[in-house]
PDB file of all heavy atoms in Angstrom:
ATOM      1  N   LEU A   1     -55.919-157.659 137.320  1.00  0.00           N
ATOM      2  CA  LEU A   1     -54.989-156.887 136.489  1.00  0.00           C
ATOM      3  C   LEU A   1     -53.602-157.539 136.457  1.00  0.00           C
ATOM      4  O   LEU A   1     -52.923-157.558 135.431  1.00  0.00           O
ATOM      5  CB  LEU A   1     -54.882-155.457 137.015  1.00  0.00           C
ATOM      6  CG  LEU A   1     -56.133-154.584 136.816  1.00  0.00           C
ATOM      7  CD1 LEU A   1     -55.953-153.224 137.498  1.00  0.00           C
ATOM      8  CD2 LEU A   1     -56.429-154.399 135.322  1.00  0.00           C
ATOM      9  N   VAL A   2     -53.166-158.073 137.569  1.00  0.00           N
ATOM     10  CA  VAL A   2     -51.860-158.757 137.618  1.00  0.00           C
ATOM     11  C   VAL A   2     -51.875-159.983 136.724  1.00  0.00           C
ATOM     12  O   VAL A   2     -50.922-160.259 135.992  1.00  0.00           O
ATOM     13  CB  VAL A   2     -51.506-159.117 139.070  1.00  0.00           C
ATOM     14  CG1 VAL A   2     -50.297-160.057 139.108  1.00  0.00           C
ATOM     15  CG2 VAL A   2     -51.217-157.870 139.880  1.00  0.00           C
ATOM     16  N   LEU A   3     -52.989-160.740 136.758  1.00  0.00           N
ATOM     17  CA  LEU A   3     -53.084-161.933 135.907  1.00  0.00           C
ATOM     18  C   LEU A   3     -53.017-161.561 134.439  1.00  0.00           C
ATOM     19  O   LEU A   3     -52.352-162.209 133.628  1.00  0.00           O
ATOM     20  CB  LEU A   3     -54.387-162.678 136.206  1.00  0.00           C
ATOM     21  CG  LEU A   3     -54.441-163.479 137.508  1.00  0.00           C
ATOM     22  CD1 LEU A   3     -55.827-164.135 137.647  1.00  0.00           C
ATOM     23  CD2 LEU A   3     -53.362-164.552 137.503  1.00  0.00           C
ATOM     24  N   ILE A   4     -53.749-160.493 134.051  1.00  0.00           N
ATOM     25  CA  ILE A   4     -53.755-160.065 132.640  1.00  0.00           C
ATOM     26  C   ILE A   4     -52.357-159.630 132.215  1.00  0.00           C
ATOM     27  O   ILE A   4     -51.866-159.966 131.129  1.00  0.00           O
ATOM     28  CB  ILE A   4     -54.773-158.923 132.438  1.00  0.00           C
ATOM     29  CG1 ILE A   4     -56.196-159.435 132.683  1.00  0.00           C
ATOM     30  CG2 ILE A   4     -54.640-158.336 131.038  1.00  0.00           C
ATOM     31  CD1 ILE A   4     -57.257-158.349 132.649  1.00  0.00           C
ATOM     32  N   GLY A   5     -51.670-158.875 133.065  1.00  0.00           N
ATOM     33  CA  GLY A   5     -50.316-158.418 132.728  1.00  0.00           C
ATOM     34  C   GLY A   5     -49.355-159.575 132.571  1.00  0.00           C
ATOM     35  O   GLY A   5     -48.524-159.609 131.661  1.00  0.00           O
ATOM     36  N   THR A   6     -49.482-160.556 133.459  1.00  0.00           N
ATOM     37  CA  THR A   6     -48.605-161.728 133.360  1.00  0.00           C
ATOM     38  C   THR A   6     -48.842-162.496 132.077  1.00  0.00           C
ATOM     39  O   THR A   6     -47.904-162.949 131.395  1.00  0.00           O
ATOM     40  CB  THR A   6     -48.835-162.650 134.567  1.00  0.00           C
ATOM     41  OG1 THR A   6     -48.589-161.914 135.769  1.00  0.00           O
ATOM     42  CG2 THR A   6     -47.916-163.865 134.515  1.00  0.00           C
ATOM     43  N   ALA A   7     -50.112-162.662 131.702  1.00  0.00           N
ATOM     44  CA  ALA A   7     -50.437-163.388 130.470  1.00  0.00           C
ATOM     45  C   ALA A   7     -49.866-162.677 129.253  1.00  0.00           C
ATOM     46  O   ALA A   7     -49.327-163.301 128.340  1.00  0.00           O
ATOM     47  CB  ALA A   7     -51.952-163.534 130.347  1.00  0.00           C
ATOM     48  N   LEU A   8     -50.025-161.318 129.214  1.00  0.00           N
ATOM     49  CA  LEU A   8     -49.475-160.559 128.091  1.00  0.00           C
ATOM     50  C   LEU A   8     -47.962-160.700 128.011  1.00  0.00           C
ATOM     51  O   LEU A   8     -47.376-160.836 126.937  1.00  0.00           O
ATOM     52  CB  LEU A   8     -49.866-159.080 128.225  1.00  0.00           C
ATOM     53  CG  LEU A   8     -51.348-158.756 127.989  1.00  0.00           C
ATOM     54  CD1 LEU A   8     -51.632-157.281 128.310  1.00  0.00           C
ATOM     55  CD2 LEU A   8     -51.745-159.065 126.533  1.00  0.00           C
ATOM     56  N   PHE A   9     -47.271-160.687 129.163  1.00  0.00           N
ATOM     57  CA  PHE A   9     -45.813-160.823 129.172  1.00  0.00           C
ATOM     58  C   PHE A   9     -45.385-162.174 128.619  1.00  0.00           C
ATOM     59  O   PHE A   9     -44.441-162.282 127.843  1.00  0.00           O
ATOM     60  CB  PHE A   9     -45.314-160.637 130.611  1.00  0.00           C
ATOM     61  CG  PHE A   9     -43.836-160.861 130.756  1.00  0.00           C
ATOM     62  CD1 PHE A   9     -42.932-159.874 130.388  1.00  0.00           C
ATOM     63  CD2 PHE A   9     -43.349-162.068 131.251  1.00  0.00           C
ATOM     64  CE1 PHE A   9     -41.580-160.075 130.519  1.00  0.00           C
ATOM     65  CE2 PHE A   9     -42.001-162.278 131.376  1.00  0.00           C
ATOM     66  CZ  PHE A   9     -41.107-161.281 131.014  1.00  0.00           C
ATOM     67  N   VAL A  10     -46.087-163.228 129.025  1.00  0.00           N
ATOM     68  CA  VAL A  10     -45.755-164.573 128.537  1.00  0.00           C
ATOM     69  C   VAL A  10     -45.955-164.669 127.039  1.00  0.00           C
ATOM     70  O   VAL A  10     -45.136-165.230 126.304  1.00  0.00           O
ATOM     71  CB  VAL A  10     -46.590-165.631 129.282  1.00  0.00           C
ATOM     72  CG1 VAL A  10     -46.429-166.999 128.632  1.00  0.00           C
ATOM     73  CG2 VAL A  10     -46.183-165.680 130.744  1.00  0.00           C
ATOM     74  N   LEU A  11     -47.046-164.109 126.523  1.00  0.00           N
ATOM     75  CA  LEU A  11     -47.316-164.173 125.089  1.00  0.00           C
ATOM     76  C   LEU A  11     -46.252-163.434 124.291  1.00  0.00           C
ATOM     77  O   LEU A  11     -45.769-163.915 123.262  1.00  0.00           O
ATOM     78  CB  LEU A  11     -48.706-163.595 124.796  1.00  0.00           C
ATOM     79  CG  LEU A  11     -49.896-164.438 125.263  1.00  0.00           C
ATOM     80  CD1 LEU A  11     -51.224-163.680 125.035  1.00  0.00           C
ATOM     81  CD2 LEU A  11     -49.941-165.771 124.507  1.00  0.00           C
ATOM     82  N   VAL A  12     -45.877-162.239 124.735  1.00  0.00           N
ATOM     83  CA  VAL A  12     -44.861-161.459 124.023  1.00  0.00           C
ATOM     84  C   VAL A  12     -43.519-162.177 124.053  1.00  0.00           C
ATOM     85  O   VAL A  12     -42.816-162.263 123.053  1.00  0.00           O
ATOM     86  CB  VAL A  12     -44.742-160.045 124.633  1.00  0.00           C
ATOM     87  CG1 VAL A  12     -43.533-159.309 124.045  1.00  0.00           C
ATOM     88  CG2 VAL A  12     -46.017-159.260 124.386  1.00  0.00           C
ATOM     89  N   SER A  13     -43.157-162.706 125.216  1.00  0.00           N
ATOM     90  CA  SER A  13     -41.872-163.410 125.327  1.00  0.00           C
ATOM     91  C   SER A  13     -41.830-164.620 124.423  1.00  0.00           C
ATOM     92  O   SER A  13     -40.821-164.910 123.768  1.00  0.00           O
ATOM     93  CB  SER A  13     -41.631-163.837 126.783  1.00  0.00           C
ATOM     94  OG  SER A  13     -41.590-162.701 127.619  1.00  0.00           O
ATOM     95  N   HIS A  14     -42.926-165.371 124.343  1.00  0.00           N
ATOM     96  CA  HIS A  14     -42.990-166.544 123.490  1.00  0.00           C
ATOM     97  C   HIS A  14     -42.836-166.164 122.027  1.00  0.00           C
ATOM     98  O   HIS A  14     -42.144-166.821 121.252  1.00  0.00           O
ATOM     99  CB  HIS A  14     -44.305-167.287 123.725  1.00  0.00           C
ATOM    100  CG  HIS A  14     -44.462-168.474 122.810  1.00  0.00           C
ATOM    101  ND1 HIS A  14     -43.756-169.645 122.999  1.00  0.00           N
ATOM    102  CD2 HIS A  14     -45.235-168.638 121.696  1.00  0.00           C
ATOM    103  CE1 HIS A  14     -44.093-170.502 122.049  1.00  0.00           C
ATOM    104  NE2 HIS A  14     -44.972-169.921 121.251  1.00  0.00           N
ATOM    105  N   ALA A  15     -43.483-165.042 121.629  1.00  0.00           N
ATOM    106  CA  ALA A  15     -43.388-164.597 120.235  1.00  0.00           C
ATOM    107  C   ALA A  15     -41.969-164.196 119.889  1.00  0.00           C
ATOM    108  O   ALA A  15     -41.443-164.499 118.817  1.00  0.00           O
ATOM    109  CB  ALA A  15     -44.344-163.425 119.991  1.00  0.00           C
ATOM    110  N   GLN A  16     -41.295-163.482 120.831  1.00  0.00           N
ATOM    111  CA  GLN A  16     -39.915-163.090 120.574  1.00  0.00           C
ATOM    112  C   GLN A  16     -39.014-164.306 120.470  1.00  0.00           C
ATOM    113  O   GLN A  16     -38.162-164.388 119.589  1.00  0.00           O
ATOM    114  CB  GLN A  16     -39.442-162.169 121.704  1.00  0.00           C
ATOM    115  CG  GLN A  16     -40.096-160.800 121.684  1.00  0.00           C
ATOM    116  CD  GLN A  16     -39.650-159.953 122.865  1.00  0.00           C
ATOM    117  OE1 GLN A  16     -39.093-160.477 123.839  1.00  0.00           O
ATOM    118  NE2 GLN A  16     -39.889-158.661 122.777  1.00  0.00           N
ATOM    119  N   LEU A  17     -39.197-165.257 121.365  1.00  0.00           N
ATOM    120  CA  LEU A  17     -38.376-166.454 121.335  1.00  0.00           C
ATOM    121  C   LEU A  17     -38.606-167.247 120.072  1.00  0.00           C
ATOM    122  O   LEU A  17     -37.690-167.761 119.444  1.00  0.00           O
ATOM    123  CB  LEU A  17     -38.668-167.313 122.576  1.00  0.00           C
ATOM    124  CG  LEU A  17     -37.843-168.598 122.722  1.00  0.00           C
ATOM    125  CD1 LEU A  17     -36.360-168.250 122.831  1.00  0.00           C
ATOM    126  CD2 LEU A  17     -38.300-169.408 123.926  1.00  0.00           C
ATOM    127  N   ALA A  18     -39.864-167.332 119.657  1.00  0.00           N
ATOM    128  CA  ALA A  18     -40.182-168.057 118.426  1.00  0.00           C
ATOM    129  C   ALA A  18     -39.535-167.393 117.234  1.00  0.00           C
ATOM    130  O   ALA A  18     -39.029-168.047 116.321  1.00  0.00           O
ATOM    131  CB  ALA A  18     -41.706-168.130 118.242  1.00  0.00           C
ATOM    132  N   GLY A  19     -39.538-166.042 117.223  1.00  0.00           N
ATOM    133  CA  GLY A  19     -38.906-165.335 116.113  1.00  0.00           C
ATOM    134  C   GLY A  19     -37.424-165.593 116.069  1.00  0.00           C
ATOM    135  O   GLY A  19     -36.832-165.757 115.013  1.00  0.00           O
ATOM    136  N   GLN A  20     -36.781-165.634 117.252  1.00  0.00           N
ATOM    137  CA  GLN A  20     -35.354-165.893 117.289  1.00  0.00           C
ATOM    138  C   GLN A  20     -35.025-167.284 116.780  1.00  0.00           C
ATOM    139  O   GLN A  20     -33.974-167.505 116.208  1.00  0.00           O
ATOM    140  CB  GLN A  20     -34.847-165.723 118.729  1.00  0.00           C
ATOM    141  CG  GLN A  20     -34.887-164.267 119.211  1.00  0.00           C
ATOM    142  CD  GLN A  20     -34.576-164.170 120.684  1.00  0.00           C
ATOM    143  OE1 GLN A  20     -34.394-165.175 121.367  1.00  0.00           O
ATOM    144  NE2 GLN A  20     -34.523-162.945 121.187  1.00  0.00           N
ATOM    145  N   ARG A  21     -35.876-168.242 116.999  1.00  0.00           N
ATOM    146  CA  ARG A  21     -35.624-169.611 116.572  1.00  0.00           C
ATOM    147  C   ARG A  21     -36.094-169.869 115.142  1.00  0.00           C
ATOM    148  O   ARG A  21     -35.966-170.978 114.636  1.00  0.00           O
ATOM    149  CB  ARG A  21     -36.338-170.599 117.508  1.00  0.00           C
ATOM    150  CG  ARG A  21     -35.741-170.595 118.922  1.00  0.00           C
ATOM    151  CD  ARG A  21     -36.499-171.543 119.818  1.00  0.00           C
ATOM    152  NE  ARG A  21     -35.907-171.589 121.141  1.00  0.00           N
ATOM    153  CZ  ARG A  21     -36.423-172.280 122.154  1.00  0.00           C
ATOM    154  NH1 ARG A  21     -37.544-172.959 121.989  1.00  0.00           N
ATOM    155  NH2 ARG A  21     -35.837-172.273 123.333  1.00  0.00           N
ATOM    156  N   GLY A  22     -36.631-168.846 114.507  1.00  0.00           N
ATOM    157  CA  GLY A  22     -37.056-169.035 113.117  1.00  0.00           C
ATOM    158  C   GLY A  22     -38.347-169.797 112.973  1.00  0.00           C
ATOM    159  O   GLY A  22     -38.586-170.420 111.944  1.00  0.00           O
ATOM    160  N   ILE A  23     -39.190-169.786 113.989  1.00  0.00           N
ATOM    161  CA  ILE A  23     -40.441-170.530 113.875  1.00  0.00           C
ATOM    162  C   ILE A  23     -41.639-169.585 113.949  1.00  0.00           C
ATOM    163  O   ILE A  23     -42.764-170.012 114.179  1.00  0.00           O
ATOM    164  CB  ILE A  23     -40.554-171.607 114.984  1.00  0.00           C
ATOM    165  CG1 ILE A  23     -40.445-170.973 116.380  1.00  0.00           C
ATOM    166  CG2 ILE A  23     -39.483-172.661 114.819  1.00  0.00           C
ATOM    167  CD1 ILE A  23     -40.711-171.954 117.510  1.00  0.00           C
ATOM    168  N   ASN A  24     -41.411-168.294 113.746  1.00  0.00           N
ATOM    169  CA  ASN A  24     -42.507-167.336 113.710  1.00  0.00           C
ATOM    170  C   ASN A  24     -43.395-167.651 112.511  1.00  0.00           C
ATOM    171  O   ASN A  24     -42.927-167.928 111.416  1.00  0.00           O
ATOM    172  CB  ASN A  24     -41.928-165.914 113.589  1.00  0.00           C
ATOM    173  CG  ASN A  24     -42.992-164.858 113.835  1.00  0.00           C
ATOM    174  OD1 ASN A  24     -44.072-164.929 113.266  1.00  0.00           O
ATOM    175  ND2 ASN A  24     -42.660-163.885 114.667  1.00  0.00           N
ATOM    176  N   SER A  25     -44.658-167.608 112.697  1.00  0.00           N
ATOM    177  CA  SER A  25     -45.581-167.966 111.614  1.00  0.00           C
ATOM    178  C   SER A  25     -45.442-167.036 110.428  1.00  0.00           C
ATOM    179  O   SER A  25     -45.822-167.390 109.314  1.00  0.00           O
ATOM    180  CB  SER A  25     -47.028-167.941 112.136  1.00  0.00           C
ATOM    181  OG  SER A  25     -47.341-166.629 112.605  1.00  0.00           O
ATOM    182  N   GLN A  26     -44.872-165.806 110.660  1.00  0.00           N
ATOM    183  CA  GLN A  26     -44.693-164.886 109.549  1.00  0.00           C
ATOM    184  C   GLN A  26     -43.333-165.049 108.874  1.00  0.00           C
ATOM    185  O   GLN A  26     -43.036-164.361 107.917  1.00  0.00           O
ATOM    186  CB  GLN A  26     -44.818-163.439 110.078  1.00  0.00           C
ATOM    187  CG  GLN A  26     -46.159-163.145 110.744  1.00  0.00           C
ATOM    188  CD  GLN A  26     -47.308-163.361 109.772  1.00  0.00           C
ATOM    189  OE1 GLN A  26     -47.194-163.003 108.608  1.00  0.00           O
ATOM    190  NE2 GLN A  26     -48.402-163.952 110.261  1.00  0.00           N
ATOM    191  N   ASN A  27     -42.509-165.964 109.398  1.00  0.00           N
ATOM    192  CA  ASN A  27     -41.162-166.168 108.856  1.00  0.00           C
ATOM    193  C   ASN A  27     -41.241-167.062 107.624  1.00  0.00           C
ATOM    194  O   ASN A  27     -41.646-168.214 107.729  1.00  0.00           O
ATOM    195  CB  ASN A  27     -40.266-166.812 109.924  1.00  0.00           C
ATOM    196  CG  ASN A  27     -38.816-166.885 109.470  1.00  0.00           C
ATOM    197  OD1 ASN A  27     -38.514-166.629 108.303  1.00  0.00           O
ATOM    198  ND2 ASN A  27     -37.933-167.248 110.399  1.00  0.00           N
ATOM    199  N   PRO A  28     -40.863-166.574 106.427  1.00  0.00           N
ATOM    200  CA  PRO A  28     -40.955-167.414 105.235  1.00  0.00           C
ATOM    201  C   PRO A  28     -40.015-168.591 105.277  1.00  0.00           C
ATOM    202  O   PRO A  28     -40.181-169.531 104.503  1.00  0.00           O
ATOM    203  CB  PRO A  28     -40.589-166.447 104.096  1.00  0.00           C
ATOM    204  CG  PRO A  28     -39.766-165.386 104.755  1.00  0.00           C
ATOM    205  CD  PRO A  28     -40.322-165.242 106.120  1.00  0.00           C
ATOM    206  N   GLN A  29     -38.993-168.581 106.170  1.00  0.00           N
ATOM    207  CA  GLN A  29     -38.073-169.699 106.242  1.00  0.00           C
ATOM    208  C   GLN A  29     -38.540-170.761 107.237  1.00  0.00           C
ATOM    209  O   GLN A  29     -37.822-171.720 107.490  1.00  0.00           O
ATOM    210  CB  GLN A  29     -36.682-169.195 106.667  1.00  0.00           C
ATOM    211  CG  GLN A  29     -36.058-168.203 105.690  1.00  0.00           C
ATOM    212  CD  GLN A  29     -35.855-168.834 104.327  1.00  0.00           C
ATOM    213  OE1 GLN A  29     -35.504-170.005 104.247  1.00  0.00           O
ATOM    214  NE2 GLN A  29     -36.087-168.076 103.265  1.00  0.00           N
ATOM    215  N   ASN A  30     -39.704-170.565 107.783  1.00  0.00           N
ATOM    216  CA  ASN A  30     -40.234-171.522 108.738  1.00  0.00           C
ATOM    217  C   ASN A  30     -40.409-172.878 108.064  1.00  0.00           C
ATOM    218  O   ASN A  30     -41.192-173.022 107.124  1.00  0.00           O
ATOM    219  CB  ASN A  30     -41.584-171.007 109.263  1.00  0.00           C
ATOM    220  CG  ASN A  30     -42.199-171.969 110.271  1.00  0.00           C
ATOM    221  OD1 ASN A  30     -41.559-172.928 110.683  1.00  0.00           O
ATOM    222  ND2 ASN A  30     -43.450-171.683 110.638  1.00  0.00           N
ATOM    223  N   PRO A  31     -39.691-173.937 108.515  1.00  0.00           N
ATOM    224  CA  PRO A  31     -39.805-175.230 107.843  1.00  0.00           C
ATOM    225  C   PRO A  31     -41.194-175.837 107.944  1.00  0.00           C
ATOM    226  O   PRO A  31     -41.577-176.647 107.110  1.00  0.00           O
ATOM    227  CB  PRO A  31     -38.758-176.091 108.570  1.00  0.00           C
ATOM    228  CG  PRO A  31     -38.537-175.418 109.889  1.00  0.00           C
ATOM    229  CD  PRO A  31     -38.759-173.974 109.646  1.00  0.00           C
ATOM    230  N   GLN A  32     -41.960-175.427 108.970  1.00  0.00           N
ATOM    231  CA  GLN A  32     -43.316-175.954 109.052  1.00  0.00           C
ATOM    232  C   GLN A  32     -44.197-175.357 107.973  1.00  0.00           C
ATOM    233  O   GLN A  32     -45.090-176.022 107.444  1.00  0.00           O
ATOM    234  CB  GLN A  32     -43.898-175.647 110.441  1.00  0.00           C
ATOM    235  CG  GLN A  32     -43.094-176.272 111.597  1.00  0.00           C
ATOM    236  CD  GLN A  32     -43.167-177.778 111.554  1.00  0.00           C
ATOM    237  OE1 GLN A  32     -44.143-178.330 111.039  1.00  0.00           O
ATOM    238  NE2 GLN A  32     -42.158-178.443 112.085  1.00  0.00           N
ATOM    239  N   GLN A  33     -43.963-174.055 107.645  1.00  0.00           N
ATOM    240  CA  GLN A  33     -44.772-173.389 106.637  1.00  0.00           C
ATOM    241  C   GLN A  33     -44.220-173.592 105.230  1.00  0.00           C
ATOM    242  O   GLN A  33     -44.961-173.567 104.263  1.00  0.00           O
ATOM    243  CB  GLN A  33     -44.819-171.877 106.957  1.00  0.00           C
ATOM    244  CG  GLN A  33     -45.389-171.565 108.347  1.00  0.00           C
ATOM    245  CD  GLN A  33     -46.857-171.897 108.432  1.00  0.00           C
ATOM    246  OE1 GLN A  33     -47.570-171.817 107.423  1.00  0.00           O
ATOM    247  NE2 GLN A  33     -47.337-172.276 109.616  1.00  0.00           N
ATOM    248  N   ASN A  34     -42.907-173.766 105.130  1.00  0.00           N
ATOM    249  CA  ASN A  34     -42.269-173.890 103.822  1.00  0.00           C
ATOM    250  C   ASN A  34     -41.319-175.085 103.839  1.00  0.00           C
ATOM    251  O   ASN A  34     -40.144-174.953 104.140  1.00  0.00           O
ATOM    252  CB  ASN A  34     -41.497-172.600 103.494  1.00  0.00           C
ATOM    253  CG  ASN A  34     -40.916-172.651 102.087  1.00  0.00           C
ATOM    254  OD1 ASN A  34     -41.181-173.587 101.334  1.00  0.00           O
ATOM    255  ND2 ASN A  34     -40.123-171.647 101.749  1.00  0.00           N
ATOM    256  N   PRO A  35     -41.802-176.281 103.531  1.00  0.00           N
ATOM    257  CA  PRO A  35     -40.970-177.483 103.615  1.00  0.00           C
ATOM    258  C   PRO A  35     -39.722-177.391 102.759  1.00  0.00           C
ATOM    259  O   PRO A  35     -38.702-177.981 103.077  1.00  0.00           O
ATOM    260  CB  PRO A  35     -41.919-178.602 103.130  1.00  0.00           C
ATOM    261  CG  PRO A  35     -43.288-178.052 103.309  1.00  0.00           C
ATOM    262  CD  PRO A  35     -43.172-176.588 103.101  1.00  0.00           C
ATOM    263  N   GLN A  36     -39.763-176.668 101.622  1.00  0.00           N
ATOM    264  CA  GLN A  36     -38.611-176.590 100.744  1.00  0.00           C
ATOM    265  C   GLN A  36     -37.468-175.815 101.379  1.00  0.00           C
ATOM    266  O   GLN A  36     -36.328-175.889 100.944  1.00  0.00           O
ATOM    267  CB  GLN A  36     -38.999-175.942  99.413  1.00  0.00           C
ATOM    268  CG  GLN A  36     -39.987-176.786  98.607  1.00  0.00           C
ATOM    269  CD  GLN A  36     -40.328-176.126  97.292  1.00  0.00           C
ATOM    270  OE1 GLN A  36     -39.973-174.971  97.056  1.00  0.00           O
ATOM    271  NE2 GLN A  36     -41.011-176.857  96.435  1.00  0.00           N
ATOM    272  N   ALA A  37     -37.775-175.020 102.402  1.00  0.00           N
ATOM    273  CA  ALA A  37     -36.751-174.202 103.043  1.00  0.00           C
ATOM    274  C   ALA A  37     -36.094-174.908 104.220  1.00  0.00           C
ATOM    275  O   ALA A  37     -35.298-174.330 104.923  1.00  0.00           O
ATOM    276  CB  ALA A  37     -37.359-172.886 103.531  1.00  0.00           C
ATOM    277  N   ARG A  38     -36.427-176.192 104.446  1.00  0.00           N
ATOM    278  CA  ARG A  38     -35.836-176.906 105.565  1.00  0.00           C
ATOM    279  C   ARG A  38     -34.327-177.053 105.363  1.00  0.00           C
ATOM    280  O   ARG A  38     -33.877-177.355 104.268  1.00  0.00           O
ATOM    281  CB  ARG A  38     -36.466-178.297 105.693  1.00  0.00           C
ATOM    282  CG  ARG A  38     -37.933-178.252 106.093  1.00  0.00           C
ATOM    283  CD  ARG A  38     -38.513-179.640 106.195  1.00  0.00           C
ATOM    284  NE  ARG A  38     -39.927-179.578 106.514  1.00  0.00           N
ATOM    285  CZ  ARG A  38     -40.699-180.658 106.618  1.00  0.00           C
ATOM    286  NH1 ARG A  38     -40.197-181.851 106.419  1.00  0.00           N
ATOM    287  NH2 ARG A  38     -41.975-180.517 106.914  1.00  0.00           N
TER     288      ARG A  38
END
């Protein structure tokens, strides 16, 4: 149970950090997904 909780925490933190940096896969301004928005 501790391992599962730790994994979930890491995944959520990574998603939040990615969103803050503008690299969330759902972000239309993501330069990887939308080269014109670089």
